[in-house]
PDB file of N, CA and C in Angstrom:
ATOM      1  N   MET A   1      14.071  34.208  18.535  1.00  0.00           N
ATOM      2  CA  MET A   1      13.756  32.953  18.655  1.00  0.00           C
ATOM      3  C   MET A   1      14.447  32.792  20.121  1.00  0.00           C
ATOM      4  N   GLU A   2      13.625  31.688  20.714  1.00  0.00           N
ATOM      5  CA  GLU A   2      14.168  31.258  22.232  1.00  0.00           C
ATOM      6  C   GLU A   2      15.530  29.909  21.655  1.00  0.00           C
ATOM      7  N   THR A   3      16.221  29.928  22.655  1.00  0.00           N
ATOM      8  CA  THR A   3      17.411  28.988  22.377  1.00  0.00           C
ATOM      9  C   THR A   3      17.406  28.208  23.915  1.00  0.00           C
ATOM     10  N   SER A   4      18.273  27.252  23.630  1.00  0.00           N
ATOM     11  CA  SER A   4      18.457  26.051  24.812  1.00  0.00           C
ATOM     12  C   SER A   4      19.706  25.544  24.786  1.00  0.00           C
ATOM     13  N   VAL A   5      20.588  25.298  25.337  1.00  0.00           N
ATOM     14  CA  VAL A   5      21.588  24.797  25.615  1.00  0.00           C
ATOM     15  C   VAL A   5      21.679  23.287  25.466  1.00  0.00           C
ATOM     16  N   LEU A   6      22.743  23.087  24.614  1.00  0.00           N
ATOM     17  CA  LEU A   6      23.145  21.713  24.196  1.00  0.00           C
ATOM     18  C   LEU A   6      24.234  21.139  24.387  1.00  0.00           C
ATOM     19  N   THR A   7      24.552  20.351  25.315  1.00  0.00           N
ATOM     20  CA  THR A   7      26.519  19.886  25.067  1.00  0.00           C
ATOM     21  C   THR A   7      26.339  18.597  24.430  1.00  0.00           C
ATOM     22  N   LEU A   8      27.116  18.362  23.881  1.00  0.00           N
ATOM     23  CA  LEU A   8      27.627  16.870  23.088  1.00  0.00           C
ATOM     24  C   LEU A   8      28.815  17.168  22.467  1.00  0.00           C
ATOM     25  N   ARG A   9      29.371  15.742  22.213  1.00  0.00           N
ATOM     26  CA  ARG A   9      30.916  15.446  22.552  1.00  0.00           C
ATOM     27  C   ARG A   9      31.239  15.142  20.730  1.00  0.00           C
ATOM     28  N   VAL A  10      32.182  15.822  20.436  1.00  0.00           N
ATOM     29  CA  VAL A  10      32.836  15.521  18.924  1.00  0.00           C
ATOM     30  C   VAL A  10      34.023  15.133  19.066  1.00  0.00           C
ATOM     31  N   SER A  11      34.462  14.294  18.078  1.00  0.00           N
ATOM     32  CA  SER A  11      36.002  13.824  17.561  1.00  0.00           C
ATOM     33  C   SER A  11      36.962  15.289  17.967  1.00  0.00           C
ATOM     34  N   ASN A  12      37.977  15.028  18.097  1.00  0.00           N
ATOM     35  CA  ASN A  12      39.061  16.124  18.471  1.00  0.00           C
ATOM     36  C   ASN A  12      39.329  16.816  17.154  1.00  0.00           C
ATOM     37  N   LYS A  13      39.333  15.713  15.748  1.00  0.00           N
ATOM     38  CA  LYS A  13      39.372  15.984  14.531  1.00  0.00           C
ATOM     39  C   LYS A  13      37.848  17.611  14.246  1.00  0.00           C
ATOM     40  N   THR A  14      36.884  16.939  14.643  1.00  0.00           N
ATOM     41  CA  THR A  14      35.638  17.690  14.383  1.00  0.00           C
ATOM     42  C   THR A  14      35.939  19.155  15.070  1.00  0.00           C
ATOM     43  N   LYS A  15      36.207  19.253  16.015  1.00  0.00           N
ATOM     44  CA  LYS A  15      36.559  20.450  17.249  1.00  0.00           C
ATOM     45  C   LYS A  15      37.862  21.541  16.440  1.00  0.00           C
ATOM     46  N   SER A  16      38.772  20.260  15.898  1.00  0.00           N
ATOM     47  CA  SER A  16      39.699  21.453  15.552  1.00  0.00           C
ATOM     48  C   SER A  16      39.149  22.052  14.139  1.00  0.00           C
ATOM     49  N   MET A  17      38.515  21.399  13.398  1.00  0.00           N
ATOM     50  CA  MET A  17      37.555  22.033  11.846  1.00  0.00           C
ATOM     51  C   MET A  17      36.641  22.960  12.672  1.00  0.00           C
ATOM     52  N   LEU A  18      35.836  22.608  13.209  1.00  0.00           N
ATOM     53  CA  LEU A  18      35.448  23.814  13.535  1.00  0.00           C
ATOM     54  C   LEU A  18      35.918  25.002  14.413  1.00  0.00           C
ATOM     55  N   ASP A  19      36.973  24.769  14.917  1.00  0.00           N
ATOM     56  CA  ASP A  19      37.674  26.177  15.772  1.00  0.00           C
ATOM     57  C   ASP A  19      38.176  26.696  14.454  1.00  0.00           C
ATOM     58  N   LYS A  20      39.057  26.381  13.647  1.00  0.00           N
ATOM     59  CA  LYS A  20      39.269  26.694  12.211  1.00  0.00           C
ATOM     60  C   LYS A  20      38.365  27.831  11.264  1.00  0.00           C
ATOM     61  N   LEU A  21      37.201  27.065  11.058  1.00  0.00           N
ATOM     62  CA  LEU A  21      36.021  27.842  10.622  1.00  0.00           C
ATOM     63  C   LEU A  21      35.598  29.011  10.831  1.00  0.00           C
ATOM     64  N   ALA A  22      35.482  28.637  12.409  1.00  0.00           N
ATOM     65  CA  ALA A  22      34.754  29.933  13.576  1.00  0.00           C
ATOM     66  C   ALA A  22      35.613  30.745  13.093  1.00  0.00           C
ATOM     67  N   GLU A  23      37.191  30.984  13.384  1.00  0.00           N
ATOM     68  CA  GLU A  23      37.765  31.748  12.989  1.00  0.00           C
ATOM     69  C   GLU A  23      38.355  32.227  11.474  1.00  0.00           C
ATOM     70  N   ALA A  24      37.837  31.740  10.844  1.00  0.00           N
ATOM     71  CA  ALA A  24      38.390  31.971   9.222  1.00  0.00           C
ATOM     72  C   ALA A  24      36.993  32.722   9.049  1.00  0.00           C
ATOM     73  N   THR A  25      35.655  32.350   9.290  1.00  0.00           N
ATOM     74  CA  THR A  25      34.258  33.292   8.796  1.00  0.00           C
ATOM     75  C   THR A  25      33.973  34.208  10.061  1.00  0.00           C
ATOM     76  N   GLN A  26      34.703  34.116  11.158  1.00  0.00           N
ATOM     77  CA  GLN A  26      34.507  35.120  12.177  1.00  0.00           C
ATOM     78  C   GLN A  26      33.098  35.113  12.855  1.00  0.00           C
ATOM     79  N   ARG A  27      32.647  33.599  13.089  1.00  0.00           N
ATOM     80  CA  ARG A  27      31.311  33.147  13.564  1.00  0.00           C
ATOM     81  C   ARG A  27      32.246  32.618  14.896  1.00  0.00           C
ATOM     82  N   THR A  28      31.252  32.265  15.508  1.00  0.00           N
ATOM     83  CA  THR A  28      31.354  31.300  16.811  1.00  0.00           C
ATOM     84  C   THR A  28      31.123  29.798  16.657  1.00  0.00           C
ATOM     85  N   LYS A  29      31.565  29.222  17.482  1.00  0.00           N
ATOM     86  CA  LYS A  29      31.689  28.073  17.061  1.00  0.00           C
ATOM     87  C   LYS A  29      30.220  27.456  17.215  1.00  0.00           C
ATOM     88  N   SER A  30      29.551  28.209  18.637  1.00  0.00           N
ATOM     89  CA  SER A  30      28.015  27.455  18.627  1.00  0.00           C
ATOM     90  C   SER A  30      27.105  27.923  17.576  1.00  0.00           C
ATOM     91  N   PHE A  31      27.525  29.071  16.998  1.00  0.00           N
ATOM     92  CA  PHE A  31      26.600  29.611  15.685  1.00  0.00           C
ATOM     93  C   PHE A  31      26.946  28.581  14.438  1.00  0.00           C
ATOM     94  N   LEU A  32      28.104  27.991  14.158  1.00  0.00           N
ATOM     95  CA  LEU A  32      28.115  27.179  13.277  1.00  0.00           C
ATOM     96  C   LEU A  32      27.677  25.631  13.276  1.00  0.00           C
ATOM     97  N   ALA A  33      27.717  25.022  14.589  1.00  0.00           N
ATOM     98  CA  ALA A  33      27.331  23.810  14.999  1.00  0.00           C
ATOM     99  C   ALA A  33      25.869  24.222  14.714  1.00  0.00           C
ATOM    100  N   SER A  34      25.223  25.092  15.396  1.00  0.00           N
ATOM    101  CA  SER A  34      23.574  25.095  15.267  1.00  0.00           C
ATOM    102  C   SER A  34      23.201  24.921  13.855  1.00  0.00           C
ATOM    103  N   GLU A  35      24.305  26.100  12.918  1.00  0.00           N
ATOM    104  CA  GLU A  35      23.353  25.946  11.434  1.00  0.00           C
ATOM    105  C   GLU A  35      23.757  24.826  10.872  1.00  0.00           C
ATOM    106  N   ALA A  36      24.804  23.941  10.983  1.00  0.00           N
ATOM    107  CA  ALA A  36      25.329  22.723  10.694  1.00  0.00           C
ATOM    108  C   ALA A  36      23.851  21.652  10.985  1.00  0.00           C
ATOM    109  N   ILE A  37      23.642  21.463  12.396  1.00  0.00           N
ATOM    110  CA  ILE A  37      22.822  20.974  12.554  1.00  0.00           C
ATOM    111  C   ILE A  37      21.178  20.978  12.407  1.00  0.00           C
ATOM    112  N   GLU A  38      20.649  22.259  12.247  1.00  0.00           N
ATOM    113  CA  GLU A  38      19.584  22.849  11.640  1.00  0.00           C
ATOM    114  C   GLU A  38      19.424  22.170   9.823  1.00  0.00           C
ATOM    115  N   ARG A  39      20.595  22.308   9.202  1.00  0.00           N
ATOM    116  CA  ARG A  39      20.864  21.835   8.021  1.00  0.00           C
ATOM    117  C   ARG A  39      20.625  20.322   8.001  1.00  0.00           C
ATOM    118  N   TYR A  40      21.605  19.741   8.675  1.00  0.00           N
ATOM    119  CA  TYR A  40      20.879  18.646   8.773  1.00  0.00           C
ATOM    120  C   TYR A  40      19.454  17.763   8.616  1.00  0.00           C
ATOM    121  N   LEU A  41      19.239  18.445  10.044  1.00  0.00           N
ATOM    122  CA  LEU A  41      17.839  18.070  10.341  1.00  0.00           C
ATOM    123  C   LEU A  41      16.602  18.411   9.199  1.00  0.00           C
ATOM    124  N   GLU A  42      16.824  19.091   8.940  1.00  0.00           N
ATOM    125  CA  GLU A  42      16.272  19.861   7.206  1.00  0.00           C
ATOM    126  C   GLU A  42      15.898  18.658   6.275  1.00  0.00           C
ATOM    127  N   VAL A  43      17.311  18.352   5.951  1.00  0.00           N
ATOM    128  CA  VAL A  43      17.257  17.475   4.835  1.00  0.00           C
ATOM    129  C   VAL A  43      17.110  15.842   5.195  1.00  0.00           C
ATOM    130  N   GLU A  44      17.233  15.510   6.699  1.00  0.00           N
ATOM    131  CA  GLU A  44      16.636  14.373   6.876  1.00  0.00           C
ATOM    132  C   GLU A  44      15.256  14.468   7.350  1.00  0.00           C
ATOM    133  N   ALA A  45      14.797  15.125   7.725  1.00  0.00           N
ATOM    134  CA  ALA A  45      13.113  15.236   7.680  1.00  0.00           C
ATOM    135  C   ALA A  45      12.691  15.562   6.050  1.00  0.00           C
ATOM    136  N   TRP A  46      13.279  16.008   5.463  1.00  0.00           N
ATOM    137  CA  TRP A  46      12.771  15.787   4.189  1.00  0.00           C
ATOM    138  C   TRP A  46      12.880  14.268   3.171  1.00  0.00           C
ATOM    139  N   GLN A  47      14.038  13.645   3.558  1.00  0.00           N
ATOM    140  CA  GLN A  47      14.328  12.353   3.079  1.00  0.00           C
ATOM    141  C   GLN A  47      12.945  11.355   3.731  1.00  0.00           C
ATOM    142  N   VAL A  48      12.952  11.924   5.112  1.00  0.00           N
ATOM    143  CA  VAL A  48      11.622  10.952   5.736  1.00  0.00           C
ATOM    144  C   VAL A  48      10.363  10.889   5.090  1.00  0.00           C
ATOM    145  N   ASN A  49      10.195  12.240   5.073  1.00  0.00           N
ATOM    146  CA  ASN A  49       8.587  12.620   4.586  1.00  0.00           C
ATOM    147  C   ASN A  49       8.387  12.177   2.882  1.00  0.00           C
ATOM    148  N   GLU A  50       9.555  12.342   1.871  1.00  0.00           N
ATOM    149  CA  GLU A  50       9.787  11.449   0.699  1.00  0.00           C
ATOM    150  C   GLU A  50       9.605  10.009   0.862  1.00  0.00           C
ATOM    151  N   ILE A  51      10.290   9.459   1.875  1.00  0.00           N
ATOM    152  CA  ILE A  51      10.265   8.081   2.256  1.00  0.00           C
ATOM    153  C   ILE A  51       8.310   7.779   2.226  1.00  0.00           C
ATOM    154  N   LYS A  52       8.176   8.439   3.559  1.00  0.00           N
ATOM    155  CA  LYS A  52       6.985   8.053   3.861  1.00  0.00           C
ATOM    156  C   LYS A  52       5.778   8.393   2.646  1.00  0.00           C
ATOM    157  N   ALA A  53       5.828   9.056   1.743  1.00  0.00           N
ATOM    158  CA  ALA A  53       5.054   9.269   0.311  1.00  0.00           C
ATOM    159  C   ALA A  53       5.167   8.359  -0.544  1.00  0.00           C
ATOM    160  N   ALA A  54       6.479   8.074  -0.633  1.00  0.00           N
ATOM    161  CA  ALA A  54       6.763   6.752  -1.450  1.00  0.00           C
ATOM    162  C   ALA A  54       6.082   5.670  -1.255  1.00  0.00           C
ATOM    163  N   LEU A  55       6.124   5.035   0.003  1.00  0.00           N
ATOM    164  CA  LEU A  55       5.468   3.936   1.203  1.00  0.00           C
ATOM    165  C   LEU A  55       4.055   4.098   0.542  1.00  0.00           C
ATOM    166  N   LYS A  56       3.399   5.072   0.465  1.00  0.00           N
ATOM    167  CA  LYS A  56       2.003   5.231   0.777  1.00  0.00           C
ATOM    168  C   LYS A  56       1.527   4.870  -0.952  1.00  0.00           C
ATOM    169  N   GLU A  57       2.464   5.826  -1.573  1.00  0.00           N
ATOM    170  CA  GLU A  57       2.234   5.425  -3.049  1.00  0.00           C
ATOM    171  C   GLU A  57       2.350   4.076  -3.645  1.00  0.00           C
ATOM    172  N   ALA A  58       3.107   3.369  -2.896  1.00  0.00           N
ATOM    173  CA  ALA A  58       3.289   1.698  -3.230  1.00  0.00           C
ATOM    174  C   ALA A  58       2.348   0.430  -2.431  1.00  0.00           C
ATOM    175  N   ASP A  59       1.969   1.490  -1.368  1.00  0.00           N
ATOM    176  CA  ASP A  59       0.833   0.571  -0.625  1.00  0.00           C
ATOM    177  C   ASP A  59      -0.654   0.809  -1.693  1.00  0.00           C
ATOM    178  N   ASN A  60      -0.598   1.908  -2.341  1.00  0.00           N
ATOM    179  CA  ASN A  60      -2.185   2.167  -2.967  1.00  0.00           C
ATOM    180  C   ASN A  60      -1.640   1.850  -4.766  1.00  0.00           C
ATOM    181  N   GLN A  61      -0.284   0.744  -4.757  1.00  0.00           N
ATOM    182  CA  GLN A  61      -0.298   0.441  -5.990  1.00  0.00           C
ATOM    183  C   GLN A  61      -0.065   1.520  -6.870  1.00  0.00           C
ATOM    184  N   ASP A  62       0.588   2.738  -6.726  1.00  0.00           N
ATOM    185  CA  ASP A  62       0.572   3.906  -7.779  1.00  0.00           C
ATOM    186  C   ASP A  62       1.929   3.587  -8.385  1.00  0.00           C
ATOM    187  N   PHE A  63       1.938   3.088  -9.268  1.00  0.00           N
ATOM    188  CA  PHE A  63       3.152   3.043 -10.189  1.00  0.00           C
ATOM    189  C   PHE A  63       3.278   3.146 -11.429  1.00  0.00           C
ATOM    190  N   ILE A  64       4.705   3.817 -12.104  1.00  0.00           N
ATOM    191  CA  ILE A  64       4.429   3.932 -13.357  1.00  0.00           C
ATOM    192  C   ILE A  64       4.254   2.857 -14.113  1.00  0.00           C
ATOM    193  N   SER A  65       3.901   3.423 -15.395  1.00  0.00           N
ATOM    194  CA  SER A  65       3.428   1.957 -16.359  1.00  0.00           C
ATOM    195  C   SER A  65       4.888   1.679 -16.795  1.00  0.00           C
ATOM    196  N   GLU A  66       4.764   0.456 -17.586  1.00  0.00           N
ATOM    197  CA  GLU A  66       6.069   0.058 -18.359  1.00  0.00           C
ATOM    198  C   GLU A  66       6.583   0.923 -19.453  1.00  0.00           C
ATOM    199  N   LYS A  67       5.371   1.462 -20.111  1.00  0.00           N
ATOM    200  CA  LYS A  67       5.082   2.140 -21.200  1.00  0.00           C
ATOM    201  C   LYS A  67       5.960   3.530 -20.834  1.00  0.00           C
ATOM    202  N   GLU A  68       5.869   4.348 -19.716  1.00  0.00           N
ATOM    203  CA  GLU A  68       5.955   5.503 -19.336  1.00  0.00           C
ATOM    204  C   GLU A  68       7.709   5.483 -18.627  1.00  0.00           C
ATOM    205  N   PHE A  69       7.711   4.067 -18.035  1.00  0.00           N
ATOM    206  CA  PHE A  69       8.740   4.019 -17.762  1.00  0.00           C
ATOM    207  C   PHE A  69      10.377   3.764 -18.951  1.00  0.00           C
ATOM    208  N   ALA A  70       9.599   2.909 -19.733  1.00  0.00           N
ATOM    209  CA  ALA A  70      10.795   2.705 -21.102  1.00  0.00           C
ATOM    210  C   ALA A  70      10.590   4.557 -21.848  1.00  0.00           C
ATOM    211  N   LYS A  71       9.562   5.277 -21.755  1.00  0.00           N
ATOM    212  CA  LYS A  71       9.899   6.554 -22.648  1.00  0.00           C
ATOM    213  C   LYS A  71      10.868   7.184 -21.756  1.00  0.00           C
ATOM    214  N   LEU A  72      10.923   7.322 -20.277  1.00  0.00           N
ATOM    215  CA  LEU A  72      11.713   8.329 -19.343  1.00  0.00           C
ATOM    216  C   LEU A  72      12.934   7.552 -19.450  1.00  0.00           C
ATOM    217  N   VAL A  73      13.345   6.389 -19.659  1.00  0.00           N
ATOM    218  CA  VAL A  73      14.575   5.519 -19.203  1.00  0.00           C
ATOM    219  C   VAL A  73      15.087   6.196 -21.141  1.00  0.00           C
ATOM    220  N   LYS A  74      14.483   6.311 -22.166  1.00  0.00           N
ATOM    221  CA  LYS A  74      15.158   6.486 -23.214  1.00  0.00           C
ATOM    222  C   LYS A  74      15.409   8.133 -23.396  1.00  0.00           C
ATOM    223  N   LYS A  75      14.529   8.812 -22.874  1.00  0.00           N
ATOM    224  CA  LYS A  75      14.976   9.877 -22.430  1.00  0.00           C
ATOM    225  C   LYS A  75      15.998  10.558 -22.123  1.00  0.00           C
ATOM    226  N   HIS A  76      16.118   9.946 -20.835  1.00  0.00           N
ATOM    227  CA  HIS A  76      17.457  10.499 -20.002  1.00  0.00           C
ATOM    228  C   HIS A  76      18.732   9.215 -20.281  1.00  0.00           C
ATOM    229  N   ALA A  77      18.785   8.438 -21.231  1.00  0.00           N
ATOM    230  CA  ALA A  77      19.789   7.611 -21.995  1.00  0.00           C
ATOM    231  C   ALA A  77      20.260   8.168 -22.787  1.00  0.00           C
ATOM    232  N   GLY A  78      19.760   9.080 -23.724  1.00  0.00           N
ATOM    233  CA  GLY A  78      20.625   9.476 -24.817  1.00  0.00           C
ATOM    234  C   GLY A  78      20.419  10.421 -25.419  1.00  0.00           C
TER     235      GLY A  78
END
């Protein structure tokens, strides 16, 4: 996998936490930071895609019926 260098600023608290975690896990700070960024981006991309899908459904008036909604509420309420 090809990589690139990224320089960023973090708070002293975050840096300290990263230092401690790197030492405890025997991983580099760069490895841990890269993993954290990748996980964050995956979650954010998933959320954006779900929002886009929901907006498309709403634009198409693709909603659950009142009867189906009541059934779903009853199922999870009790």
